[in-house]
Amino acid sequence: MPNGFLSKNQAEVALDLVNRYLEFTCEEERAKYLGADSYLGLYERAYRLILETAEMGEKPPTGFKA
């Protein structure tokens, strides 16, 4: 099974998004999400954003605009 972005389902993409966010944010922001409830809340927000975007049929722009 490929391990790429396109092979992941929406829940896995949301989890990756949350993990990347926490990886690259400051210590103060990371500390907010140490508890399970706050981490799951952040995950829920990311997952809902992905679902809402998929429902609207929007795709993020790719490449450079001319």
PDB file of N, CA and C in Angstrom:
ATOM      1  N   MET A   1       0.843  -1.178   0.000  1.00  0.00           N
ATOM      2  CA  MET A   1       0.000   0.000   0.000  1.00  0.00           C
ATOM      3  C   MET A   1       0.893   1.247   0.000  1.00  0.00           C
ATOM      4  N   PRO A   2       0.671   2.186  -0.917  1.00  0.00           N
ATOM      5  CA  PRO A   2       1.496   3.384  -0.966  1.00  0.00           C
ATOM      6  C   PRO A   2       1.314   4.237   0.276  1.00  0.00           C
ATOM      7  N   ASN A   3       2.349   4.956   0.627  1.00  0.00           N
ATOM      8  CA  ASN A   3       2.311   5.793   1.817  1.00  0.00           C
ATOM      9  C   ASN A   3       2.360   7.264   1.418  1.00  0.00           C
ATOM     10  N   GLY A   4       1.519   7.677   0.512  1.00  0.00           N
ATOM     11  CA  GLY A   4       1.508   9.045   0.039  1.00  0.00           C
ATOM     12  C   GLY A   4       0.261   9.787   0.467  1.00  0.00           C
ATOM     13  N   PHE A   5       0.261  11.085   0.228  1.00  0.00           N
ATOM     14  CA  PHE A   5      -0.853  11.948   0.614  1.00  0.00           C
ATOM     15  C   PHE A   5      -2.143  11.527  -0.073  1.00  0.00           C
ATOM     16  N   LEU A   6      -2.062  11.167  -1.347  1.00  0.00           N
ATOM     17  CA  LEU A   6      -3.268  10.843  -2.100  1.00  0.00           C
ATOM     18  C   LEU A   6      -3.863   9.497  -1.723  1.00  0.00           C
ATOM     19  N   SER A   7      -3.104   8.652  -1.045  1.00  0.00           N
ATOM     20  CA  SER A   7      -3.617   7.342  -0.678  1.00  0.00           C
ATOM     21  C   SER A   7      -4.291   7.337   0.686  1.00  0.00           C
ATOM     22  N   LYS A   8      -4.351   8.474   1.349  1.00  0.00           N
ATOM     23  CA  LYS A   8      -4.925   8.546   2.694  1.00  0.00           C
ATOM     24  C   LYS A   8      -6.381   8.982   2.642  1.00  0.00           C
ATOM     25  N   ASN A   9      -7.158   8.481   3.606  1.00  0.00           N
ATOM     26  CA  ASN A   9      -8.550   8.928   3.688  1.00  0.00           C
ATOM     27  C   ASN A   9      -8.603  10.254   4.447  1.00  0.00           C
ATOM     28  N   GLN A  10      -9.771  10.837   4.536  1.00  0.00           N
ATOM     29  CA  GLN A  10      -9.921  12.165   5.129  1.00  0.00           C
ATOM     30  C   GLN A  10      -9.520  12.205   6.603  1.00  0.00           C
ATOM     31  N   ALA A  11      -9.819  11.151   7.341  1.00  0.00           N
ATOM     32  CA  ALA A  11      -9.458  11.106   8.760  1.00  0.00           C
ATOM     33  C   ALA A  11      -7.943  11.063   8.928  1.00  0.00           C
ATOM     34  N   GLU A  12      -7.269  10.318   8.080  1.00  0.00           N
ATOM     35  CA  GLU A  12      -5.808  10.249   8.159  1.00  0.00           C
ATOM     36  C   GLU A  12      -5.168  11.574   7.767  1.00  0.00           C
ATOM     37  N   VAL A  13      -5.730  12.241   6.791  1.00  0.00           N
ATOM     38  CA  VAL A  13      -5.222  13.544   6.388  1.00  0.00           C
ATOM     39  C   VAL A  13      -5.399  14.551   7.534  1.00  0.00           C
ATOM     40  N   ALA A  14      -6.538  14.503   8.209  1.00  0.00           N
ATOM     41  CA  ALA A  14      -6.767  15.398   9.345  1.00  0.00           C
ATOM     42  C   ALA A  14      -5.762  15.129  10.459  1.00  0.00           C
ATOM     43  N   LEU A  15      -5.487  13.873  10.726  1.00  0.00           N
ATOM     44  CA  LEU A  15      -4.507  13.523  11.750  1.00  0.00           C
ATOM     45  C   LEU A  15      -3.117  14.020  11.370  1.00  0.00           C
ATOM     46  N   ASP A  16      -2.739  13.858  10.111  1.00  0.00           N
ATOM     47  CA  ASP A  16      -1.448  14.377   9.644  1.00  0.00           C
ATOM     48  C   ASP A  16      -1.388  15.890   9.765  1.00  0.00           C
ATOM     49  N   LEU A  17      -2.481  16.545   9.426  1.00  0.00           N
ATOM     50  CA  LEU A  17      -2.542  17.996   9.519  1.00  0.00           C
ATOM     51  C   LEU A  17      -2.314  18.467  10.954  1.00  0.00           C
ATOM     52  N   VAL A  18      -2.976  17.833  11.897  1.00  0.00           N
ATOM     53  CA  VAL A  18      -2.824  18.190  13.306  1.00  0.00           C
ATOM     54  C   VAL A  18      -1.390  17.928  13.762  1.00  0.00           C
ATOM     55  N   ASN A  19      -0.853  16.773  13.409  1.00  0.00           N
ATOM     56  CA  ASN A  19       0.509  16.446  13.829  1.00  0.00           C
ATOM     57  C   ASN A  19       1.535  17.412  13.247  1.00  0.00           C
ATOM     58  N   ARG A  20       1.369  17.770  11.990  1.00  0.00           N
ATOM     59  CA  ARG A  20       2.296  18.737  11.367  1.00  0.00           C
ATOM     60  C   ARG A  20       2.159  20.117  12.021  1.00  0.00           C
ATOM     61  N   TYR A  21       0.939  20.503  12.281  1.00  0.00           N
ATOM     62  CA  TYR A  21       0.719  21.794  12.942  1.00  0.00           C
ATOM     63  C   TYR A  21       1.448  21.832  14.283  1.00  0.00           C
ATOM     64  N   LEU A  22       1.283  20.783  15.067  1.00  0.00           N
ATOM     65  CA  LEU A  22       1.924  20.746  16.377  1.00  0.00           C
ATOM     66  C   LEU A  22       3.438  20.603  16.271  1.00  0.00           C
ATOM     67  N   GLU A  23       3.898  19.994  15.212  1.00  0.00           N
ATOM     68  CA  GLU A  23       5.340  19.843  15.013  1.00  0.00           C
ATOM     69  C   GLU A  23       6.015  21.183  14.742  1.00  0.00           C
ATOM     70  N   PHE A  24       5.335  22.044  14.008  1.00  0.00           N
ATOM     71  CA  PHE A  24       5.955  23.284  13.579  1.00  0.00           C
ATOM     72  C   PHE A  24       5.498  24.527  14.326  1.00  0.00           C
ATOM     73  N   THR A  25       4.632  24.378  15.303  1.00  0.00           N
ATOM     74  CA  THR A  25       4.175  25.533  16.068  1.00  0.00           C
ATOM     75  C   THR A  25       5.076  25.743  17.289  1.00  0.00           C
ATOM     76  N   CYS A  26       4.883  26.839  17.961  1.00  0.00           N
ATOM     77  CA  CYS A  26       5.719  27.154  19.123  1.00  0.00           C
ATOM     78  C   CYS A  26       5.345  26.290  20.334  1.00  0.00           C
ATOM     79  N   GLU A  27       6.238  26.251  21.289  1.00  0.00           N
ATOM     80  CA  GLU A  27       6.022  25.445  22.503  1.00  0.00           C
ATOM     81  C   GLU A  27       4.753  25.860  23.245  1.00  0.00           C
ATOM     82  N   GLU A  28       4.495  27.144  23.296  1.00  0.00           N
ATOM     83  CA  GLU A  28       3.316  27.657  23.999  1.00  0.00           C
ATOM     84  C   GLU A  28       2.031  27.113  23.375  1.00  0.00           C
ATOM     85  N   GLU A  29       1.985  27.097  22.060  1.00  0.00           N
ATOM     86  CA  GLU A  29       0.801  26.585  21.358  1.00  0.00           C
ATOM     87  C   GLU A  29       0.688  25.070  21.542  1.00  0.00           C
ATOM     88  N   ARG A  30       1.816  24.363  21.464  1.00  0.00           N
ATOM     89  CA  ARG A  30       1.810  22.905  21.660  1.00  0.00           C
ATOM     90  C   ARG A  30       1.298  22.532  23.039  1.00  0.00           C
ATOM     91  N   ALA A  31       1.653  23.330  24.035  1.00  0.00           N
ATOM     92  CA  ALA A  31       1.251  23.039  25.417  1.00  0.00           C
ATOM     93  C   ALA A  31      -0.267  23.059  25.574  1.00  0.00           C
ATOM     94  N   LYS A  32      -0.951  23.822  24.726  1.00  0.00           N
ATOM     95  CA  LYS A  32      -2.415  23.895  24.795  1.00  0.00           C
ATOM     96  C   LYS A  32      -3.074  22.559  24.466  1.00  0.00           C
ATOM     97  N   TYR A  33      -2.374  21.713  23.718  1.00  0.00           N
ATOM     98  CA  TYR A  33      -2.980  20.485  23.205  1.00  0.00           C
ATOM     99  C   TYR A  33      -2.366  19.216  23.803  1.00  0.00           C
ATOM    100  N   LEU A  34      -1.813  19.330  24.992  1.00  0.00           N
ATOM    101  CA  LEU A  34      -1.238  18.166  25.663  1.00  0.00           C
ATOM    102  C   LEU A  34      -2.313  17.229  26.200  1.00  0.00           C
ATOM    103  N   GLY A  35      -3.436  17.776  26.603  1.00  0.00           N
ATOM    104  CA  GLY A  35      -4.533  16.959  27.115  1.00  0.00           C
ATOM    105  C   GLY A  35      -5.312  16.302  25.985  1.00  0.00           C
ATOM    106  N   ALA A  36      -5.874  15.154  26.264  1.00  0.00           N
ATOM    107  CA  ALA A  36      -6.604  14.395  25.241  1.00  0.00           C
ATOM    108  C   ALA A  36      -7.800  15.180  24.702  1.00  0.00           C
ATOM    109  N   ASP A  37      -8.552  15.833  25.573  1.00  0.00           N
ATOM    110  CA  ASP A  37      -9.739  16.561  25.123  1.00  0.00           C
ATOM    111  C   ASP A  37      -9.381  17.693  24.171  1.00  0.00           C
ATOM    112  N   SER A  38      -8.355  18.454  24.500  1.00  0.00           N
ATOM    113  CA  SER A  38      -7.983  19.572  23.635  1.00  0.00           C
ATOM    114  C   SER A  38      -7.380  19.076  22.320  1.00  0.00           C
ATOM    115  N   TYR A  39      -6.614  17.982  22.377  1.00  0.00           N
ATOM    116  CA  TYR A  39      -6.043  17.408  21.154  1.00  0.00           C
ATOM    117  C   TYR A  39      -7.156  16.900  20.238  1.00  0.00           C
ATOM    118  N   LEU A  40      -8.116  16.187  20.820  1.00  0.00           N
ATOM    119  CA  LEU A  40      -9.229  15.679  20.016  1.00  0.00           C
ATOM    120  C   LEU A  40     -10.080  16.812  19.460  1.00  0.00           C
ATOM    121  N   GLY A  41     -10.205  17.902  20.212  1.00  0.00           N
ATOM    122  CA  GLY A  41     -10.921  19.072  19.712  1.00  0.00           C
ATOM    123  C   GLY A  41     -10.233  19.673  18.497  1.00  0.00           C
ATOM    124  N   LEU A  42      -8.905  19.746  18.546  1.00  0.00           N
ATOM    125  CA  LEU A  42      -8.140  20.254  17.406  1.00  0.00           C
ATOM    126  C   LEU A  42      -8.294  19.321  16.204  1.00  0.00           C
ATOM    127  N   TYR A  43      -8.240  18.018  16.454  1.00  0.00           N
ATOM    128  CA  TYR A  43      -8.424  17.027  15.393  1.00  0.00           C
ATOM    129  C   TYR A  43      -9.820  17.159  14.784  1.00  0.00           C
ATOM    130  N   GLU A  44     -10.821  17.332  15.634  1.00  0.00           N
ATOM    131  CA  GLU A  44     -12.194  17.472  15.141  1.00  0.00           C
ATOM    132  C   GLU A  44     -12.336  18.688  14.241  1.00  0.00           C
ATOM    133  N   ARG A  45     -11.713  19.793  14.617  1.00  0.00           N
ATOM    134  CA  ARG A  45     -11.769  21.005  13.787  1.00  0.00           C
ATOM    135  C   ARG A  45     -11.117  20.755  12.428  1.00  0.00           C
ATOM    136  N   ALA A  46      -9.973  20.076  12.425  1.00  0.00           N
ATOM    137  CA  ALA A  46      -9.281  19.787  11.164  1.00  0.00           C
ATOM    138  C   ALA A  46     -10.130  18.863  10.294  1.00  0.00           C
ATOM    139  N   TYR A  47     -10.715  17.851  10.902  1.00  0.00           N
ATOM    140  CA  TYR A  47     -11.531  16.888  10.161  1.00  0.00           C
ATOM    141  C   TYR A  47     -12.771  17.561   9.573  1.00  0.00           C
ATOM    142  N   ARG A  48     -13.428  18.403  10.347  1.00  0.00           N
ATOM    143  CA  ARG A  48     -14.610  19.115   9.840  1.00  0.00           C
ATOM    144  C   ARG A  48     -14.248  20.025   8.682  1.00  0.00           C
ATOM    145  N   LEU A  49     -13.101  20.692   8.779  1.00  0.00           N
ATOM    146  CA  LEU A  49     -12.654  21.569   7.704  1.00  0.00           C
ATOM    147  C   LEU A  49     -12.454  20.775   6.415  1.00  0.00           C
ATOM    148  N   ILE A  50     -11.854  19.606   6.533  1.00  0.00           N
ATOM    149  CA  ILE A  50     -11.641  18.760   5.364  1.00  0.00           C
ATOM    150  C   ILE A  50     -12.973  18.291   4.791  1.00  0.00           C
ATOM    151  N   LEU A  51     -13.895  17.875   5.648  1.00  0.00           N
ATOM    152  CA  LEU A  51     -15.204  17.420   5.173  1.00  0.00           C
ATOM    153  C   LEU A  51     -15.984  18.552   4.508  1.00  0.00           C
ATOM    154  N   GLU A  52     -15.964  19.730   5.106  1.00  0.00           N
ATOM    155  CA  GLU A  52     -16.679  20.872   4.531  1.00  0.00           C
ATOM    156  C   GLU A  52     -16.110  21.245   3.175  1.00  0.00           C
ATOM    157  N   THR A  53     -14.804  21.205   3.060  1.00  0.00           N
ATOM    158  CA  THR A  53     -14.165  21.524   1.789  1.00  0.00           C
ATOM    159  C   THR A  53     -14.540  20.495   0.733  1.00  0.00           C
ATOM    160  N   ALA A  54     -14.574  19.224   1.129  1.00  0.00           N
ATOM    161  CA  ALA A  54     -14.945  18.156   0.187  1.00  0.00           C
ATOM    162  C   ALA A  54     -16.404  18.282  -0.239  1.00  0.00           C
ATOM    163  N   GLU A  55     -17.281  18.658   0.680  1.00  0.00           N
ATOM    164  CA  GLU A  55     -18.705  18.811   0.350  1.00  0.00           C
ATOM    165  C   GLU A  55     -18.937  19.938  -0.644  1.00  0.00           C
ATOM    166  N   MET A  56     -18.177  21.010  -0.519  1.00  0.00           N
ATOM    167  CA  MET A  56     -18.341  22.150  -1.411  1.00  0.00           C
ATOM    168  C   MET A  56     -17.684  21.897  -2.761  1.00  0.00           C
ATOM    169  N   GLY A  57     -16.913  20.818  -2.854  1.00  0.00           N
ATOM    170  CA  GLY A  57     -16.265  20.501  -4.118  1.00  0.00           C
ATOM    171  C   GLY A  57     -15.079  21.378  -4.419  1.00  0.00           C
ATOM    172  N   GLU A  58     -14.614  22.093  -3.431  1.00  0.00           N
ATOM    173  CA  GLU A  58     -13.469  22.972  -3.650  1.00  0.00           C
ATOM    174  C   GLU A  58     -12.189  22.159  -3.609  1.00  0.00           C
ATOM    175  N   LYS A  59     -11.281  22.556  -4.446  1.00  0.00           N
ATOM    176  CA  LYS A  59      -9.958  21.955  -4.433  1.00  0.00           C
ATOM    177  C   LYS A  59      -8.958  23.084  -4.234  1.00  0.00           C
ATOM    178  N   PRO A  60      -7.952  22.842  -3.434  1.00  0.00           N
ATOM    179  CA  PRO A  60      -6.960  23.885  -3.236  1.00  0.00           C
ATOM    180  C   PRO A  60      -6.208  24.160  -4.537  1.00  0.00           C
ATOM    181  N   PRO A  61      -5.839  25.405  -4.756  1.00  0.00           N
ATOM    182  CA  PRO A  61      -5.090  25.717  -5.973  1.00  0.00           C
ATOM    183  C   PRO A  61      -3.735  25.039  -5.932  1.00  0.00           C
ATOM    184  N   THR A  62      -3.275  24.639  -7.099  1.00  0.00           N
ATOM    185  CA  THR A  62      -1.952  24.037  -7.194  1.00  0.00           C
ATOM    186  C   THR A  62      -1.118  24.829  -8.189  1.00  0.00           C
ATOM    187  N   GLY A  63       0.152  24.800  -8.003  1.00  0.00           N
ATOM    188  CA  GLY A  63       1.053  25.488  -8.929  1.00  0.00           C
ATOM    189  C   GLY A  63       1.018  26.990  -8.749  1.00  0.00           C
ATOM    190  N   PHE A  64       1.556  27.673  -9.710  1.00  0.00           N
ATOM    191  CA  PHE A  64       1.634  29.131  -9.678  1.00  0.00           C
ATOM    192  C   PHE A  64       0.619  29.719 -10.650  1.00  0.00           C
ATOM    193  N   LYS A  65       0.048  30.827 -10.250  1.00  0.00           N
ATOM    194  CA  LYS A  65      -0.881  31.521 -11.153  1.00  0.00           C
ATOM    195  C   LYS A  65      -0.082  32.387 -12.108  1.00  0.00           C
ATOM    196  N   ALA A  66      -0.532  32.425 -13.339  1.00  0.00           N
ATOM    197  CA  ALA A  66       0.160  33.200 -14.366  1.00  0.00           C
ATOM    198  C   ALA A  66      -0.278  34.639 -14.353  1.00  0.00           C
TER     199      ALA A  66
END
